[in-house]
Amino acid sequence: MSNADETATDTDDSRDWHRWASTALIGAFSVGLLAIWLVPGDTAGAENRTRLPWPTVTAASAGDAATYRGIDAALRDRLGAQATVSEALGDLSVHGLGRSPTSTVLIGSNREPFFVEDLARPCRETEDSLAAVKAGLVQDQAAMAAAGKYVLFMVAPDKTSIRRAPVTDVSPDLLRCSDFVRGHVEGWESEGNLPLVTLWDDVAARDTAAAPAYLRNDTHWSAHGSMALSEALMQRLVDDRQVPAGILDDLTNPVSSDPIPYVGDLNHMMGVEDIDHKTTISFDRPDVVTKARTTVGAAGTPEYHYRSTSTSSPLVPGKTLLIGDSFLLHQIPTQLSNFFEDVTMTDLEEWAQAGEYDTVIVVRVERYSATGEWPSLTATLK
């Protein structure tokens, strides 16, 4: 009887202990869930965007599901732990396993990241679609010439096209589509009938271990690589007798800025916060005075305007429009702002004003050089 009583007491104590342990575990877990709201961080900033605002709750909106979705999104935007967890997972995947945690980025055999868009977007193209692209460029050239204007098309290569080995090591077929588009674009240039300059060979010649043409953890080229565009553009303007050859002399002594720390866009895509450094290049032209101003164009994107005067150095005459994407705007304004009498450098979104200029230069990066990626300059003349 005594033994039975002791056993019962032990069982009751055991149950009490289990209940206490379960309660403590649940409590700790609950506190942990609440504590993540105390973790500092900027989720929106980590994703390179503005923090989502709290929705306004009114009697009318209180019954709308969208209101509560907005509250949920705003709450999550203020959960700093998201950025911390994302960075930790990104570091483990990228630095530990050598694998990208997102389908938008490919890690090459040398552990360098590449933009998957470079490889996938060209796969939309066919012989017929590229023929239509060429026909559009031919039409724009003819229309601009008939209006007494000068036009030039330029194509800059993707990093994947230049640093091929780490990509093809992953799969030899990955560059098949981009090579298809490249072959056509370079073919149009070699025919000599279009005002077209491609930069594959120029950039490849610049890409060395000591002076890389691309930023390792970014989709963009370096200041050194972008010099290929500046030199090729000025050389073509000289060849086409738009400006005296003496202007090329001022491109021989580039002045580099101090390195600027930044996080590359490919790192952002993977949730990795590695710090890299980049520079810009400019050219000292002592007798050139340049005035700059920035406005917002009709499409809502920044426009960078530069007007220059000189006592003896040649300048590209008239009003010039340089339009393109970030490949153009990240580097070329510092390089070429003091080489034109009057130049506006802006995003392709502002193409509708092209008919107002004497010279129009359209710059496309390789992945955006085919169907639907060129503005209709003909339409701007109507």
Protein backbone atom coordinates (compact mmCIF):
# COMPACT_ATOMS: atom_id res chain seq x y z
CA MET A 1 0.00 0.00 0.00
CA SER A 2 2.82 2.30 0.94
CA ASN A 3 4.64 1.56 -2.32
CA ALA A 4 1.49 2.24 -4.34
CA ASP A 5 1.07 5.64 -2.68
CA GLU A 6 4.67 6.63 -3.44
CA THR A 7 4.25 5.64 -7.08
CA ALA A 8 1.15 7.76 -7.41
CA THR A 9 2.91 10.73 -5.85
CA ASP A 10 5.87 10.33 -8.24
CA THR A 11 3.50 10.23 -11.19
CA ASP A 12 1.75 13.40 -10.05
CA ASP A 13 5.10 15.17 -9.60
CA SER A 14 6.20 14.05 -13.05
CA ARG A 15 3.03 15.36 -14.60
CA ASP A 16 3.42 18.67 -12.78
CA TRP A 17 6.99 18.94 -14.04
CA HIS A 18 5.94 18.21 -17.63
CA ARG A 19 3.17 20.79 -17.42
CA TRP A 20 5.60 23.36 -16.04
CA ALA A 21 8.20 22.58 -18.71
CA SER A 22 5.58 22.77 -21.49
CA THR A 23 4.30 26.09 -20.17
CA ALA A 24 7.84 27.45 -19.94
CA LEU A 25 8.65 26.29 -23.47
CA ILE A 26 5.48 27.81 -24.89
CA GLY A 27 6.14 31.00 -22.96
CA ALA A 28 9.72 31.22 -24.19
CA PHE A 29 8.63 30.58 -27.75
CA SER A 30 5.93 33.26 -27.45
CA VAL A 31 8.41 35.75 -26.01
CA GLY A 32 10.78 34.87 -28.84
CA LEU A 33 8.09 35.59 -31.42
CA LEU A 34 7.36 38.93 -29.78
CA ALA A 35 11.05 39.74 -29.41
CA ILE A 36 11.68 39.66 -33.15
CA TRP A 37 9.81 42.96 -33.31
CA LEU A 38 12.63 44.43 -31.23
CA VAL A 39 15.34 43.38 -33.68
CA PRO A 40 16.61 46.57 -35.39
CA GLY A 41 16.69 46.65 -39.15
CA ASP A 42 15.35 48.30 -42.27
CA THR A 43 13.58 45.77 -44.46
CA ALA A 44 12.53 48.34 -47.06
CA GLY A 45 16.01 49.85 -47.19
CA ALA A 46 17.57 46.41 -47.60
CA GLU A 47 15.33 45.94 -50.63
CA ASN A 48 16.23 49.41 -51.97
CA ARG A 49 12.72 50.86 -51.71
CA THR A 50 10.60 53.20 -49.59
CA ARG A 51 8.95 51.76 -46.50
CA LEU A 52 5.26 50.96 -47.06
CA PRO A 53 2.92 53.38 -45.27
CA TRP A 54 0.20 52.41 -42.81
CA PRO A 55 -3.16 52.36 -44.58
CA THR A 56 -5.81 54.79 -43.43
CA VAL A 57 -8.61 52.99 -41.60
CA THR A 58 -12.02 54.59 -41.95
CA ALA A 59 -15.56 53.39 -41.45
CA ALA A 60 -15.72 52.73 -45.18
CA SER A 61 -12.38 50.90 -45.42
CA ALA A 62 -12.75 48.85 -42.23
CA GLY A 63 -14.70 46.17 -44.06
CA ASP A 64 -12.30 46.01 -47.02
CA ALA A 65 -9.86 43.09 -47.05
CA ALA A 66 -7.32 45.28 -48.85
CA THR A 67 -7.04 47.44 -45.72
CA TYR A 68 -5.89 44.50 -43.65
CA ARG A 69 -3.52 43.32 -46.35
CA GLY A 70 -2.02 46.81 -46.25
CA ILE A 71 -1.69 46.66 -42.46
CA ASP A 72 -0.01 43.26 -42.72
CA ALA A 73 2.41 44.55 -45.37
CA ALA A 74 3.24 47.63 -43.28
CA LEU A 75 3.80 45.45 -40.20
CA ARG A 76 6.14 43.15 -42.08
CA ASP A 77 8.03 46.16 -43.45
CA ARG A 78 8.80 47.14 -39.87
CA LEU A 79 9.99 43.69 -38.87
CA GLY A 80 13.74 44.25 -38.82
CA ALA A 81 14.46 40.57 -38.29
CA GLN A 82 13.50 39.89 -41.90
CA ALA A 83 16.58 41.67 -43.20
CA THR A 84 18.80 39.98 -40.61
CA VAL A 85 17.49 36.50 -41.38
CA SER A 86 17.67 37.11 -45.13
CA GLU A 87 21.27 38.29 -44.85
CA ALA A 88 22.22 35.28 -42.71
CA LEU A 89 20.67 32.84 -45.17
CA GLY A 90 22.26 34.68 -48.08
CA ASP A 91 25.69 34.56 -46.47
CA LEU A 92 25.36 30.85 -45.77
CA SER A 93 24.17 30.05 -49.29
CA VAL A 94 26.56 32.31 -51.21
CA HIS A 95 29.71 32.16 -49.10
CA GLY A 96 29.26 28.73 -47.56
CA LEU A 97 27.66 26.66 -50.32
CA GLY A 98 28.54 28.73 -53.38
CA ARG A 99 24.89 28.73 -54.47
CA SER A 100 22.50 31.58 -55.20
CA PRO A 101 19.44 31.73 -52.94
CA THR A 102 17.38 33.35 -55.73
CA SER A 103 16.57 32.33 -59.31
CA THR A 104 17.47 35.83 -60.55
CA VAL A 105 21.18 35.28 -59.91
CA LEU A 106 23.53 32.57 -61.16
CA ILE A 107 26.74 31.79 -59.29
CA GLY A 108 29.51 30.98 -61.76
CA SER A 109 32.15 28.30 -61.34
CA ASN A 110 34.47 30.97 -59.88
CA ARG A 111 31.75 32.01 -57.36
CA GLU A 112 31.11 35.27 -59.21
CA PRO A 113 27.42 36.21 -59.48
CA PHE A 114 25.74 36.82 -62.85
CA PHE A 115 22.33 38.20 -63.80
CA VAL A 116 20.06 35.43 -65.11
CA GLU A 117 18.15 37.99 -67.18
CA ASP A 118 21.24 38.17 -69.43
CA LEU A 119 20.72 34.52 -70.31
CA ALA A 120 16.93 34.21 -70.32
CA ARG A 121 15.64 37.38 -71.98
CA PRO A 122 17.32 36.79 -75.37
CA CYS A 123 15.52 33.44 -75.63
CA ARG A 124 12.39 35.32 -76.70
CA GLU A 125 14.03 36.17 -80.02
CA THR A 126 13.67 34.52 -83.43
CA GLU A 127 14.93 35.28 -86.91
CA ASP A 128 11.67 37.12 -87.61
CA SER A 129 11.69 39.16 -84.40
CA LEU A 130 15.27 40.30 -84.95
CA ALA A 131 14.48 41.18 -88.57
CA ALA A 132 11.72 43.43 -87.23
CA VAL A 133 14.19 45.08 -84.82
CA LYS A 134 16.60 45.78 -87.64
CA ALA A 135 13.82 47.18 -89.83
CA GLY A 136 12.88 49.58 -87.04
CA LEU A 137 16.46 50.86 -86.75
CA VAL A 138 16.69 51.30 -90.52
CA GLN A 139 13.44 53.28 -90.49
CA ASP A 140 14.62 55.52 -87.65
CA GLN A 141 17.93 56.18 -89.38
CA ALA A 142 16.17 57.22 -92.59
CA ALA A 143 13.66 59.42 -90.78
CA MET A 144 16.30 61.20 -88.71
CA ALA A 145 18.52 61.74 -91.76
CA ALA A 146 15.58 63.16 -93.71
CA ALA A 147 14.99 65.59 -90.85
CA GLY A 148 18.62 66.71 -90.95
CA LYS A 149 19.51 65.01 -87.69
CA TYR A 150 22.33 62.69 -86.67
CA VAL A 151 21.56 59.38 -84.97
CA LEU A 152 23.81 56.68 -83.53
CA PHE A 153 22.90 53.34 -81.95
CA MET A 154 25.27 51.65 -79.49
CA VAL A 155 25.16 48.23 -77.77
CA ALA A 156 27.15 47.42 -74.62
CA PRO A 157 27.80 43.76 -73.72
CA ASP A 158 26.43 41.97 -70.66
CA LYS A 159 28.95 40.69 -68.13
CA THR A 160 27.92 37.12 -68.99
CA SER A 161 29.02 37.63 -72.61
CA ILE A 162 32.49 38.81 -71.65
CA ARG A 163 33.19 36.54 -68.66
CA ARG A 164 31.98 33.45 -70.43
CA ALA A 165 34.02 30.68 -68.81
CA PRO A 166 32.45 30.74 -65.32
CA VAL A 167 29.00 30.69 -66.95
CA THR A 168 29.61 27.95 -69.50
CA ASP A 169 31.28 25.85 -66.80
CA VAL A 170 27.85 25.67 -65.17
CA SER A 171 26.25 24.69 -68.49
CA PRO A 172 27.60 25.13 -72.03
CA ASP A 173 24.10 26.01 -73.29
CA LEU A 174 23.48 29.00 -71.03
CA LEU A 175 24.82 31.54 -73.55
CA ARG A 176 23.11 30.02 -76.57
CA CYS A 177 20.30 32.61 -76.74
CA SER A 178 22.47 35.66 -76.04
CA ASP A 179 24.99 34.48 -78.64
CA PHE A 180 22.13 34.23 -81.14
CA VAL A 181 21.18 37.88 -80.57
CA ARG A 182 24.80 39.01 -80.46
CA GLY A 183 25.54 37.37 -83.80
CA HIS A 184 22.74 39.29 -85.47
CA VAL A 185 23.60 42.67 -83.91
CA GLU A 186 27.28 42.36 -84.81
CA GLY A 187 26.23 41.26 -88.30
CA TRP A 188 24.21 44.45 -88.74
CA GLU A 189 27.23 46.49 -87.72
CA SER A 190 29.56 44.68 -90.12
CA GLU A 191 27.18 45.31 -93.02
CA GLY A 192 27.93 49.01 -92.60
CA ASN A 193 24.45 50.23 -93.49
CA LEU A 194 23.34 51.22 -89.99
CA PRO A 195 24.85 53.87 -87.68
CA LEU A 196 25.56 51.14 -85.15
CA VAL A 197 28.51 50.60 -82.80
CA THR A 198 28.87 47.42 -80.75
CA LEU A 199 31.29 47.13 -77.86
CA TRP A 200 31.86 43.40 -77.26
CA ASP A 201 35.46 43.38 -78.50
CA ASP A 202 36.29 46.76 -76.94
CA VAL A 203 35.10 45.76 -73.47
CA ALA A 204 36.63 42.27 -73.67
CA ALA A 205 40.02 43.82 -74.43
CA ARG A 206 39.73 45.92 -71.27
CA ASP A 207 38.68 43.14 -68.90
CA THR A 208 41.83 42.07 -67.06
CA ALA A 209 42.49 40.88 -63.52
CA ALA A 210 44.38 44.09 -62.75
CA ALA A 211 41.71 46.38 -64.23
CA PRO A 212 38.37 44.54 -64.52
CA ALA A 213 35.75 45.90 -66.91
CA TYR A 214 32.88 44.84 -64.64
CA LEU A 215 32.01 45.16 -60.98
CA ARG A 216 32.26 41.68 -59.49
CA ASN A 217 29.05 41.64 -57.44
CA ASP A 218 27.05 43.88 -59.74
CA THR A 219 25.42 43.77 -63.17
CA HIS A 220 27.17 46.97 -64.31
CA TRP A 221 30.52 47.70 -65.82
CA SER A 222 33.27 49.51 -63.95
CA ALA A 223 34.53 52.98 -64.78
CA HIS A 224 37.38 51.30 -66.66
CA GLY A 225 34.97 49.17 -68.69
CA SER A 226 32.65 52.07 -69.47
CA MET A 227 35.54 53.95 -71.03
CA ALA A 228 35.02 51.65 -74.01
CA LEU A 229 31.76 53.48 -74.71
CA SER A 230 33.24 56.95 -74.29
CA GLU A 231 36.16 56.24 -76.61
CA ALA A 232 34.08 54.41 -79.23
CA LEU A 233 31.44 57.14 -79.23
CA MET A 234 33.92 59.96 -79.69
CA GLN A 235 35.83 58.02 -82.33
CA ARG A 236 32.60 57.46 -84.29
CA LEU A 237 31.67 61.14 -84.06
CA VAL A 238 35.11 61.99 -85.43
CA ASP A 239 34.77 59.41 -88.22
CA ASP A 240 31.37 60.83 -89.14
CA ARG A 241 32.82 64.37 -89.13
CA GLN A 242 30.59 65.58 -86.35
CA VAL A 243 33.56 66.87 -84.36
CA PRO A 244 37.29 67.50 -85.01
CA ALA A 245 39.73 64.67 -84.34
CA GLY A 246 41.51 66.76 -81.70
CA ILE A 247 38.77 65.94 -79.23
CA LEU A 248 40.24 62.44 -78.87
CA ASP A 249 43.41 63.84 -77.29
CA ASP A 250 41.45 64.81 -74.18
CA LEU A 251 40.41 61.20 -73.61
CA THR A 252 43.95 60.01 -73.01
CA ASN A 253 44.36 61.16 -69.40
CA PRO A 254 41.45 59.93 -67.27
CA VAL A 255 41.15 61.15 -63.68
CA SER A 256 39.76 58.53 -61.29
CA SER A 257 37.79 59.35 -58.16
CA ASP A 258 38.53 57.84 -54.77
CA PRO A 259 36.90 54.41 -54.30
CA ILE A 260 33.31 54.62 -53.07
CA PRO A 261 31.92 51.80 -50.89
CA TYR A 262 28.65 50.27 -52.06
CA VAL A 263 26.66 47.03 -52.11
CA GLY A 264 26.30 45.56 -55.60
CA ASP A 265 22.85 44.98 -57.08
CA LEU A 266 23.47 41.24 -57.47
CA ASN A 267 24.32 41.07 -53.77
CA HIS A 268 21.09 42.91 -52.99
CA MET A 269 19.19 40.32 -55.02
CA MET A 270 20.73 37.53 -52.98
CA GLY A 271 20.28 39.23 -49.61
CA VAL A 272 24.04 39.62 -49.14
CA GLU A 273 25.53 42.86 -47.78
CA ASP A 274 29.17 42.53 -48.88
CA ILE A 275 30.85 45.91 -49.29
CA ASP A 276 32.57 46.53 -52.63
CA HIS A 277 34.18 49.69 -53.99
CA LYS A 278 33.74 51.54 -57.25
CA THR A 279 35.19 54.65 -58.87
CA THR A 280 34.18 57.16 -61.51
CA ILE A 281 36.29 58.72 -64.23
CA SER A 282 36.36 62.28 -65.51
CA PHE A 283 38.52 64.30 -67.88
CA ASP A 284 40.18 67.61 -67.07
CA ARG A 285 39.65 70.10 -69.90
CA PRO A 286 41.00 73.36 -68.40
CA ASP A 287 39.52 75.71 -70.98
CA VAL A 288 36.07 74.13 -70.93
CA VAL A 289 33.45 75.62 -68.61
CA THR A 290 30.47 73.36 -67.96
CA LYS A 291 27.23 74.27 -66.25
CA ALA A 292 25.05 71.43 -65.00
CA ARG A 293 21.46 71.15 -63.88
CA THR A 294 19.12 68.27 -63.16
CA THR A 295 15.42 68.20 -63.96
CA VAL A 296 12.67 65.60 -64.06
CA GLY A 297 11.47 64.57 -67.50
CA ALA A 298 7.93 64.05 -68.73
CA ALA A 299 8.18 60.34 -67.92
CA GLY A 300 9.20 61.12 -64.35
CA THR A 301 12.89 60.18 -64.49
CA PRO A 302 15.91 62.46 -63.86
CA GLU A 303 17.45 64.35 -66.76
CA TYR A 304 21.05 65.58 -66.51
CA HIS A 305 21.72 68.68 -68.61
CA TYR A 306 25.20 70.01 -69.35
CA ARG A 307 26.13 73.13 -71.32
CA SER A 308 29.77 73.81 -72.10
CA THR A 309 31.83 76.58 -73.62
CA SER A 310 35.54 76.56 -74.46
CA THR A 311 38.25 78.82 -75.79
CA SER A 312 40.02 76.24 -77.96
CA SER A 313 38.97 72.65 -77.11
CA PRO A 314 36.50 71.14 -79.59
CA LEU A 315 32.95 70.36 -78.47
CA VAL A 316 30.24 68.28 -80.10
CA PRO A 317 28.03 71.01 -81.62
CA GLY A 318 24.31 71.55 -81.30
CA LYS A 319 21.85 69.88 -78.95
CA THR A 320 22.60 66.24 -78.13
CA LEU A 321 20.41 63.65 -76.42
CA LEU A 322 22.01 60.54 -74.88
CA ILE A 323 19.40 58.03 -73.79
CA GLY A 324 19.87 54.58 -72.32
CA ASP A 325 19.65 52.70 -69.05
CA SER A 326 21.83 52.46 -65.96
CA PHE A 327 24.83 51.31 -68.04
CA LEU A 328 24.83 54.81 -69.51
CA LEU A 329 23.81 56.79 -66.46
CA HIS A 330 26.08 55.17 -63.84
CA GLN A 331 29.32 56.29 -65.49
CA ILE A 332 29.02 58.36 -68.67
CA PRO A 333 27.79 61.67 -67.16
CA THR A 334 31.07 62.11 -65.28
CA GLN A 335 33.10 61.08 -68.32
CA LEU A 336 31.51 63.03 -71.16
CA SER A 337 29.61 65.94 -69.62
CA ASN A 338 32.23 68.48 -70.76
CA PHE A 339 32.57 67.22 -74.35
CA PHE A 340 29.30 68.66 -75.72
CA GLU A 341 27.98 72.15 -76.31
CA ASP A 342 24.58 71.10 -75.01
CA VAL A 343 23.85 67.55 -73.92
CA THR A 344 21.03 65.86 -72.02
CA MET A 345 21.69 62.40 -70.58
CA THR A 346 18.64 60.53 -69.39
CA ASP A 347 16.79 57.24 -69.16
CA LEU A 348 15.23 55.66 -72.23
CA GLU A 349 11.82 56.44 -70.70
CA GLU A 350 12.34 60.02 -71.89
CA TRP A 351 12.69 59.05 -75.57
CA ALA A 352 9.63 61.01 -76.74
CA GLN A 353 11.63 64.27 -76.83
CA ALA A 354 14.23 62.93 -79.29
CA GLY A 355 12.81 64.89 -82.22
CA GLU A 356 13.80 68.15 -80.52
CA TYR A 357 17.56 67.40 -80.74
CA ASP A 358 20.18 67.72 -83.48
CA THR A 359 22.03 64.56 -82.37
CA VAL A 360 20.46 61.50 -80.76
CA ILE A 361 22.57 58.66 -79.34
CA VAL A 362 20.75 55.57 -78.08
CA VAL A 363 22.69 53.20 -75.81
CA ARG A 364 21.37 49.71 -75.11
CA VAL A 365 22.90 47.04 -72.90
CA GLU A 366 22.96 43.65 -74.65
CA ARG A 367 20.06 42.08 -72.73
CA TYR A 368 17.86 45.02 -73.76
CA SER A 369 18.86 45.29 -77.40
CA ALA A 370 16.14 43.30 -79.17
CA THR A 371 12.34 43.24 -79.43
CA GLY A 372 10.59 46.19 -77.82
CA GLU A 373 13.79 47.68 -76.41
CA TRP A 374 14.51 50.47 -78.93
CA PRO A 375 12.55 53.74 -78.98
CA SER A 376 10.72 54.80 -82.13
CA LEU A 377 12.67 57.87 -83.15
CA THR A 378 10.50 58.17 -86.25
CA ALA A 379 7.47 58.74 -84.05
CA THR A 380 9.18 61.69 -82.32
CA LEU A 381 9.41 63.58 -85.64
CA LYS A 382 5.67 63.61 -86.29
